[in-house]
């Protein structure tokens, strides 16, 4: 009795995806968690540095469309790597949007800090209280655009990570800025001039500046990888059996086709020389700008620069299977690989946010138990103190 043939459908499927919509490493952790929890997923790795995801799944339990739908439900657009259009326009749009947010945040924060600095370094004896109160209102008005518009990416990222139950640093940013803003609004509503609008505005401004620099660096890395793929000629001169020649896209040339490469052109595909003799500059592949002679029977790779002779090449590897494609794929895999320190940092971040929230709650409850008040009075002597020195905190009076 012959053994049963293995079921081909039982073999796991895998795909490399380009991810759009990630704002920080917390977004990558959230998407990775959602993909890992999806029924049928065997392994999922998401890299914020390369904006890519590697997924392996059981085709009997799920499909790539379901995984993409799960990512889209969380707010991230994922597409197969080879089906993704040029991302340069997308990156440029992100950089432009981030630049606008940073400029607005910096402009508004300038006015916030002007008002807050006056409040910090003056007293009611030097600046009348109505003027101080007006400066507090001015600081609050200038902070509104920062939180309402400039900080929206942080709020979206925080909400997505909370939905995935992996809160990250964006949650801390949102909690800190919201708390300082709301407390300041509460004080202004109670006719107090001691506010903290500067904390909310400057945190967002500094973080936007950091994200702007980070995006610039990542775009340059992506441009370097894209330049590696763009160096080979995008078109090829294909020779027909009757000797005629047609210029077609290199990605549409099938293995076995004969192509002509003129002097000064780069080879579009890998293949074997069937006629002609020339010298090739393979600096794109080897890093060394040195001419190498080739003749009939020599194997040549896409991206090599034809120096002085005309070559006829029989294509052996199609678009996407070339050596230059393998190099670009290795670079992406290297960028997507997580080091041990990165894994430790991610685990630490997942525990840091809940720990900080718990500490804040303990301090809040403990302060209430110990009798610490909410209100902070500036330049007002405490009624419970015999000293005439200004009391910073309003402690409740206790009967002796």
Protein backbone atom coordinates (compact mmCIF):
# COMPACT_ATOMS: atom_id res chain seq x y z
CA UNK A 1 0.00 0.00 0.00
CA UNK A 2 1.45 3.34 -1.05
CA UNK A 3 1.72 6.01 1.61
CA UNK A 4 -0.67 8.89 1.26
CA UNK A 5 0.73 11.93 -0.47
CA UNK A 6 1.27 14.90 1.82
CA UNK A 7 -1.48 17.48 1.75
CA UNK A 8 -0.09 20.57 0.05
CA UNK A 9 -2.74 22.71 1.66
CA UNK A 10 -1.37 21.78 5.11
CA UNK A 11 1.87 23.63 4.46
CA UNK A 12 1.91 27.06 6.10
CA UNK A 13 1.75 30.15 3.92
CA UNK A 14 3.81 33.29 4.50
CA UNK A 15 3.94 36.82 3.14
CA UNK A 16 5.86 40.03 3.61
CA UNK A 17 3.61 43.07 3.92
CA UNK A 18 4.17 46.78 3.63
CA UNK A 19 2.43 48.58 6.49
CA UNK A 20 1.11 52.13 6.41
CA UNK A 21 -0.33 54.14 9.25
CA UNK A 22 2.21 53.27 11.95
CA UNK A 23 3.25 56.24 14.05
CA UNK A 24 5.79 54.70 16.43
CA UNK A 25 7.09 51.40 17.78
CA UNK A 26 3.98 51.14 19.96
CA UNK A 27 1.92 50.94 16.76
CA UNK A 28 4.14 48.11 15.52
CA UNK A 29 3.68 46.27 18.83
CA UNK A 30 -0.09 46.71 18.67
CA UNK A 31 -0.34 45.43 15.09
CA UNK A 32 1.97 42.52 15.89
CA UNK A 33 -0.20 41.59 18.87
CA UNK A 34 -3.40 41.68 16.81
CA UNK A 35 -1.89 39.54 14.04
CA UNK A 36 -0.49 37.04 16.54
CA UNK A 37 -3.85 36.68 18.26
CA UNK A 38 -5.71 36.12 15.00
CA UNK A 39 -6.89 32.48 14.75
CA UNK A 40 -4.65 30.54 12.39
CA UNK A 41 -1.61 32.80 12.66
CA UNK A 42 1.57 30.84 13.31
CA UNK A 43 3.99 33.75 13.51
CA UNK A 44 3.88 37.52 13.04
CA UNK A 45 6.68 40.05 13.19
CA UNK A 46 6.14 43.79 12.61
CA UNK A 47 9.00 46.26 12.21
CA UNK A 48 8.48 49.98 12.57
CA UNK A 49 11.95 50.75 11.16
CA UNK A 50 11.21 49.11 7.80
CA UNK A 51 7.41 49.62 7.95
CA UNK A 52 6.91 45.97 7.11
CA UNK A 53 5.37 42.84 8.58
CA UNK A 54 6.22 39.18 8.09
CA UNK A 55 3.30 36.84 8.63
CA UNK A 56 3.03 33.05 8.56
CA UNK A 57 -0.36 31.36 8.82
CA UNK A 58 -2.22 28.08 8.49
CA UNK A 59 -4.24 28.24 5.22
CA UNK A 60 -6.78 25.77 6.60
CA UNK A 61 -7.78 28.17 9.39
CA UNK A 62 -7.34 31.64 7.94
CA UNK A 63 -6.24 33.53 4.85
CA UNK A 64 -4.21 36.58 3.93
CA UNK A 65 -7.39 38.57 3.27
CA UNK A 66 -8.59 37.95 6.82
CA UNK A 67 -5.25 39.05 8.25
CA UNK A 68 -5.33 42.21 6.16
CA UNK A 69 -8.89 42.87 7.32
CA UNK A 70 -7.83 42.48 10.97
CA UNK A 71 -5.03 44.99 10.45
CA UNK A 72 -7.38 47.40 8.66
CA UNK A 73 -9.89 47.14 11.51
CA UNK A 74 -7.18 48.38 13.87
CA UNK A 75 -6.40 51.25 11.49
CA UNK A 76 -3.35 50.03 9.56
CA UNK A 77 -3.21 49.52 5.81
CA UNK A 78 -1.25 46.41 4.83
CA UNK A 79 -0.51 45.30 1.29
CA UNK A 80 1.67 42.52 -0.14
CA UNK A 81 5.20 43.73 -0.74
CA UNK A 82 5.24 43.30 -4.52
CA UNK A 83 1.78 44.88 -4.90
CA UNK A 84 2.71 48.08 -3.09
CA UNK A 85 3.10 51.20 -5.24
CA UNK A 86 6.04 53.53 -4.84
CA UNK A 87 6.11 54.70 -1.23
CA UNK A 88 8.13 57.83 -1.88
CA UNK A 89 4.97 59.90 -2.47
CA UNK A 90 3.39 58.45 0.68
CA UNK A 91 6.48 59.25 2.76
CA UNK A 92 6.65 62.76 1.31
CA UNK A 93 3.00 63.34 2.25
CA UNK A 94 3.62 62.13 5.80
CA UNK A 95 6.67 64.36 6.12
CA UNK A 96 4.73 67.35 4.83
CA UNK A 97 1.85 66.73 7.25
CA UNK A 98 4.28 66.32 10.15
CA UNK A 99 6.09 69.52 9.17
CA UNK A 100 2.84 71.49 9.23
CA UNK A 101 1.93 70.11 12.65
CA UNK A 102 5.40 70.89 14.00
CA UNK A 103 5.37 74.47 12.72
CA UNK A 104 1.93 75.14 14.22
CA UNK A 105 2.91 73.55 17.52
CA UNK A 106 6.15 75.55 17.71
CA UNK A 107 4.35 78.81 16.92
CA UNK A 108 1.63 78.26 19.51
CA UNK A 109 4.09 77.01 22.12
CA UNK A 110 6.07 80.22 21.71
CA UNK A 111 3.05 82.23 22.91
CA UNK A 112 2.27 79.70 25.63
CA UNK A 113 5.79 79.94 27.03
CA UNK A 114 5.74 83.76 26.83
CA UNK A 115 2.64 83.86 29.03
CA UNK A 116 3.76 81.07 31.35
CA UNK A 117 7.23 82.57 31.87
CA UNK A 118 5.64 85.79 33.02
CA UNK A 119 3.49 83.84 35.47
CA UNK A 120 6.45 81.83 36.78
CA UNK A 121 8.79 84.78 37.43
CA UNK A 122 6.32 87.33 38.75
CA UNK A 123 4.01 87.63 41.73
CA UNK A 124 0.75 89.37 42.43
CA UNK A 125 2.77 92.20 43.99
CA UNK A 126 4.56 92.98 40.71
CA UNK A 127 1.85 92.00 38.21
CA UNK A 128 -1.81 92.53 39.13
CA UNK A 129 -3.86 89.39 39.49
CA UNK A 130 -6.30 90.33 36.65
CA UNK A 131 -3.30 90.56 34.30
CA UNK A 132 -1.99 87.18 35.51
CA UNK A 133 -5.40 85.67 34.99
CA UNK A 134 -5.52 87.07 31.45
CA UNK A 135 -2.08 85.56 30.73
CA UNK A 136 -3.35 82.17 31.96
CA UNK A 137 -6.31 82.44 29.56
CA UNK A 138 -3.95 83.40 26.72
CA UNK A 139 -1.80 80.35 27.43
CA UNK A 140 -4.87 78.12 27.33
CA UNK A 141 -6.10 79.56 24.03
CA UNK A 142 -2.66 79.07 22.45
CA UNK A 143 -2.56 75.46 23.70
CA UNK A 144 -5.88 74.54 22.08
CA UNK A 145 -4.53 74.17 18.49
CA UNK A 146 -1.64 72.07 19.77
CA UNK A 147 -3.92 69.50 21.37
CA UNK A 148 -6.81 69.76 18.91
CA UNK A 149 -4.72 69.36 15.75
CA UNK A 150 -1.00 68.82 16.29
CA UNK A 151 -1.40 66.05 18.88
CA UNK A 152 -3.98 64.00 16.97
CA UNK A 153 -1.46 61.35 15.76
CA UNK A 154 -0.56 60.67 19.40
CA UNK A 155 -4.22 60.29 20.35
CA UNK A 156 -4.88 57.92 17.43
CA UNK A 157 -1.83 55.81 18.25
CA UNK A 158 -2.80 55.67 21.93
CA UNK A 159 -6.33 54.53 21.09
CA UNK A 160 -5.09 51.81 18.74
CA UNK A 161 -2.63 50.45 21.28
CA UNK A 162 -5.32 50.44 23.95
CA UNK A 163 -7.63 48.51 21.63
CA UNK A 164 -4.87 45.96 21.11
CA UNK A 165 -4.27 45.89 24.88
CA UNK A 166 -0.60 46.82 24.50
CA UNK A 167 -0.47 50.44 25.72
CA UNK A 168 2.75 52.18 24.80
CA UNK A 169 4.49 55.49 25.33
CA UNK A 170 1.82 57.34 23.36
CA UNK A 171 -0.65 56.50 26.12
CA UNK A 172 1.64 58.20 28.62
CA UNK A 173 1.92 61.23 26.34
CA UNK A 174 -1.85 61.47 26.00
CA UNK A 175 -2.45 61.02 29.72
CA UNK A 176 0.19 63.57 30.71
CA UNK A 177 -0.84 66.27 28.26
CA UNK A 178 -4.55 65.75 28.86
CA UNK A 179 -4.14 65.84 32.63
CA UNK A 180 -2.10 69.05 32.59
CA UNK A 181 -4.50 70.71 30.16
CA UNK A 182 -7.70 69.68 31.97
CA UNK A 183 -6.31 70.64 35.37
CA UNK A 184 -5.31 74.02 33.97
CA UNK A 185 -8.78 74.52 32.49
CA UNK A 186 -10.29 73.64 35.88
CA UNK A 187 -8.09 76.24 37.57
CA UNK A 188 -8.96 78.92 35.01
CA UNK A 189 -12.65 78.14 35.54
CA UNK A 190 -12.09 78.80 39.26
CA UNK A 191 -10.43 82.15 38.56
CA UNK A 192 -6.91 80.91 39.36
CA UNK A 193 -3.77 81.88 37.43
CA UNK A 194 -1.55 78.92 38.40
CA UNK A 195 -1.81 76.74 35.26
CA UNK A 196 0.24 74.12 33.42
CA UNK A 197 -0.61 74.71 29.76
CA UNK A 198 3.10 74.91 28.93
CA UNK A 199 3.60 71.25 29.90
CA UNK A 200 0.98 70.07 27.43
CA UNK A 201 2.17 72.30 24.57
CA UNK A 202 5.90 71.71 24.93
CA UNK A 203 5.63 67.93 25.34
CA UNK A 204 3.76 67.69 22.04
CA UNK A 205 6.16 70.11 20.31
CA UNK A 206 9.31 68.27 21.38
CA UNK A 207 7.86 64.87 20.48
CA UNK A 208 6.77 66.14 17.06
CA UNK A 209 10.30 67.39 16.46
CA UNK A 210 11.66 63.97 17.38
CA UNK A 211 9.21 62.16 15.12
CA UNK A 212 10.06 64.57 12.27
CA UNK A 213 13.76 63.75 12.56
CA UNK A 214 13.01 60.04 12.84
CA UNK A 215 10.86 60.09 9.71
CA UNK A 216 13.60 61.91 7.80
CA UNK A 217 16.13 59.22 8.74
CA UNK A 218 13.78 56.36 7.89
CA UNK A 219 12.91 57.94 4.54
CA UNK A 220 16.59 58.08 3.65
CA UNK A 221 16.99 54.40 4.49
CA UNK A 222 13.98 53.56 2.34
CA UNK A 223 15.37 55.71 -0.47
CA UNK A 224 18.64 53.77 -0.33
CA UNK A 225 16.84 50.44 -0.68
CA UNK A 226 14.62 51.82 -3.44
CA UNK A 227 17.66 53.19 -5.28
CA UNK A 228 19.14 49.69 -5.25
CA UNK A 229 16.05 48.37 -7.00
CA UNK A 230 15.76 51.30 -9.40
CA UNK A 231 19.31 51.10 -10.77
CA UNK A 232 18.64 48.16 -13.12
CA UNK A 233 17.00 49.24 -16.36
CA UNK A 234 13.19 49.16 -16.10
CA UNK A 235 12.82 48.20 -19.78
CA UNK A 236 14.46 45.57 -21.99
CA UNK A 237 15.04 45.19 -25.75
CA UNK A 238 13.48 41.80 -26.45
CA UNK A 239 14.42 40.02 -29.70
CA UNK A 240 11.72 38.04 -31.45
CA UNK A 241 12.32 34.84 -33.41
CA UNK A 242 12.13 36.74 -36.72
CA UNK A 243 14.89 39.13 -35.62
CA UNK A 244 12.65 42.11 -34.80
CA UNK A 245 13.19 44.05 -31.61
CA UNK A 246 10.63 45.42 -29.13
CA UNK A 247 11.11 47.50 -26.00
CA UNK A 248 8.98 46.13 -23.16
CA UNK A 249 8.89 46.42 -19.39
CA UNK A 250 11.52 44.22 -17.81
CA UNK A 251 9.00 42.82 -15.33
CA UNK A 252 7.04 41.34 -18.25
CA UNK A 253 10.00 39.51 -19.82
CA UNK A 254 9.77 35.73 -19.34
CA UNK A 255 12.77 33.46 -18.73
CA UNK A 256 14.20 32.14 -22.00
CA UNK A 257 13.73 35.40 -23.85
CA UNK A 258 16.68 36.99 -25.62
CA UNK A 259 17.44 40.63 -24.83
CA UNK A 260 19.95 43.07 -26.31
CA UNK A 261 22.09 45.30 -24.08
CA UNK A 262 23.87 48.24 -25.70
CA UNK A 263 27.07 49.91 -24.43
CA UNK A 264 26.39 52.28 -21.52
CA UNK A 265 23.20 50.51 -20.43
CA UNK A 266 22.54 48.53 -17.27
CA UNK A 267 21.31 44.97 -17.53
CA UNK A 268 17.62 44.71 -16.60
CA UNK A 269 17.58 40.97 -15.81
CA UNK A 270 19.88 38.10 -14.90
CA UNK A 271 20.90 35.76 -17.68
CA UNK A 272 23.62 34.10 -19.76
CA UNK A 273 25.48 35.79 -22.61
CA UNK A 274 24.68 34.04 -25.90
CA UNK A 275 26.51 36.42 -28.20
CA UNK A 276 28.90 39.35 -27.92
CA UNK A 277 31.81 40.39 -25.75
CA UNK A 278 32.14 43.29 -23.34
CA UNK A 279 33.23 44.48 -19.90
CA UNK A 280 30.83 44.98 -17.01
CA UNK A 281 31.00 47.24 -13.97
CA UNK A 282 29.41 45.24 -11.13
CA UNK A 283 29.83 47.91 -8.42
CA UNK A 284 26.11 47.77 -7.59
CA UNK A 285 26.41 44.11 -6.63
CA UNK A 286 29.94 43.87 -5.26
CA UNK A 287 30.72 47.40 -4.10
CA UNK A 288 33.91 47.44 -6.19
CA UNK A 289 34.06 49.61 -9.31
CA UNK A 290 36.10 47.24 -11.43
CA UNK A 291 35.51 46.14 -15.03
CA UNK A 292 35.06 42.42 -15.52
CA UNK A 293 35.24 40.89 -18.98
CA UNK A 294 32.34 38.72 -20.15
CA UNK A 295 31.85 36.65 -23.27
CA UNK A 296 29.59 33.91 -24.59
CA UNK A 297 28.51 31.61 -21.77
CA UNK A 298 29.17 34.13 -18.99
CA UNK A 299 26.49 34.67 -16.36
CA UNK A 300 25.53 38.34 -15.94
CA UNK A 301 23.33 40.02 -13.34
CA UNK A 302 20.81 42.83 -13.44
CA UNK A 303 22.25 46.17 -12.38
CA UNK A 304 25.67 45.60 -13.93
CA UNK A 305 26.77 48.43 -16.27
CA UNK A 306 27.72 47.37 -19.79
CA UNK A 307 30.90 49.26 -20.67
CA UNK A 308 31.98 48.91 -24.30
CA UNK A 309 30.38 46.05 -26.18
CA UNK A 310 26.94 44.91 -27.32
CA UNK A 311 25.60 41.80 -25.66
CA UNK A 312 22.82 39.33 -26.38
CA UNK A 313 21.60 37.75 -23.14
CA UNK A 314 19.30 34.77 -22.59
CA UNK A 315 17.15 35.60 -19.54
CA UNK A 316 17.26 32.98 -16.80
CA UNK A 317 15.62 34.76 -13.84
CA UNK A 318 12.45 36.83 -14.03
CA UNK A 319 11.77 40.15 -12.34
CA UNK A 320 11.61 39.64 -8.56
CA UNK A 321 13.98 36.66 -8.65
CA UNK A 322 17.12 38.55 -9.62
CA UNK A 323 20.17 38.77 -7.42
CA UNK A 324 19.52 42.48 -6.85
CA UNK A 325 16.03 41.57 -5.62
CA UNK A 326 17.55 39.09 -3.17
CA UNK A 327 19.94 41.78 -1.90
CA UNK A 328 17.09 44.26 -1.39
CA UNK A 329 15.05 41.58 0.38
CA UNK A 330 17.97 40.82 2.69
CA UNK A 331 18.30 44.51 3.54
CA UNK A 332 14.59 44.69 4.41
CA UNK A 333 14.88 41.53 6.51
CA UNK A 334 17.85 43.01 8.35
CA UNK A 335 15.90 46.19 9.09
CA UNK A 336 12.89 44.16 10.21
CA UNK A 337 14.90 41.89 12.50
CA UNK A 338 14.54 42.69 16.18
CA UNK A 339 17.61 42.53 18.37
CA UNK A 340 17.59 41.15 21.89
CA UNK A 341 17.79 44.65 23.34
CA UNK A 342 14.78 45.74 21.27
CA UNK A 343 12.76 42.76 22.50
CA UNK A 344 13.68 43.57 26.11
CA UNK A 345 12.77 47.24 25.59
CA UNK A 346 9.36 46.27 24.16
CA UNK A 347 8.58 43.99 27.10
CA UNK A 348 9.70 46.72 29.50
CA UNK A 349 7.48 49.29 27.75
CA UNK A 350 4.45 47.01 27.98
CA UNK A 351 4.89 46.85 31.76
CA UNK A 352 5.99 50.46 32.20
CA UNK A 353 2.70 52.11 31.25
CA UNK A 354 0.49 50.06 33.62
CA UNK A 355 3.08 50.51 36.37
CA UNK A 356 3.10 54.31 35.97
CA UNK A 357 -0.70 54.41 35.99
CA UNK A 358 -0.79 52.34 39.17
CA UNK A 359 1.80 54.57 40.86
CA UNK A 360 -0.20 57.65 39.89
CA UNK A 361 -3.39 56.15 41.33
CA UNK A 362 -1.60 55.20 44.56
CA UNK A 363 -0.22 58.73 44.91
CA UNK A 364 -3.66 60.23 44.18
CA UNK A 365 -5.46 58.03 46.70
CA UNK A 366 -2.67 58.38 49.26
CA UNK A 367 -2.72 62.15 48.97
CA UNK A 368 -6.43 62.19 49.58
CA UNK A 369 -6.07 59.94 52.63
CA UNK A 370 -3.32 62.17 54.05
CA UNK A 371 -5.48 65.25 53.58
CA UNK A 372 -3.67 66.90 50.67
CA UNK A 373 -5.93 69.33 48.84
CA UNK A 374 -6.51 69.90 45.14
CA UNK A 375 -6.08 73.62 45.02
CA UNK A 376 -2.75 75.36 44.70
CA UNK A 377 -2.79 78.92 46.01
CA UNK A 378 -0.15 81.34 44.88
CA UNK A 379 1.02 84.12 47.22
CA UNK A 380 -1.77 83.43 49.71
CA UNK A 381 -0.77 82.72 53.35
CA UNK A 382 -2.09 79.49 54.73
CA UNK A 383 -4.82 80.02 57.33
CA UNK A 384 -3.42 77.14 59.32
CA UNK A 385 0.09 78.55 59.57
CA UNK A 386 1.32 81.14 62.00
CA UNK A 387 3.99 82.18 59.52
CA UNK A 388 3.26 84.89 56.97
CA UNK A 389 5.29 83.07 54.29
CA UNK A 390 3.37 82.12 51.10
CA UNK A 391 1.88 78.65 51.27
CA UNK A 392 2.27 76.56 48.16
CA UNK A 393 -0.36 73.95 48.91
CA UNK A 394 -3.71 74.52 50.61
CA UNK A 395 -3.70 72.03 53.53
CA UNK A 396 -7.01 71.56 55.29
CA UNK A 397 -7.19 72.89 58.84
CA UNK A 398 -7.45 70.28 61.57
CA UNK A 399 -8.91 70.98 64.99
CA UNK A 400 -6.31 70.73 67.67
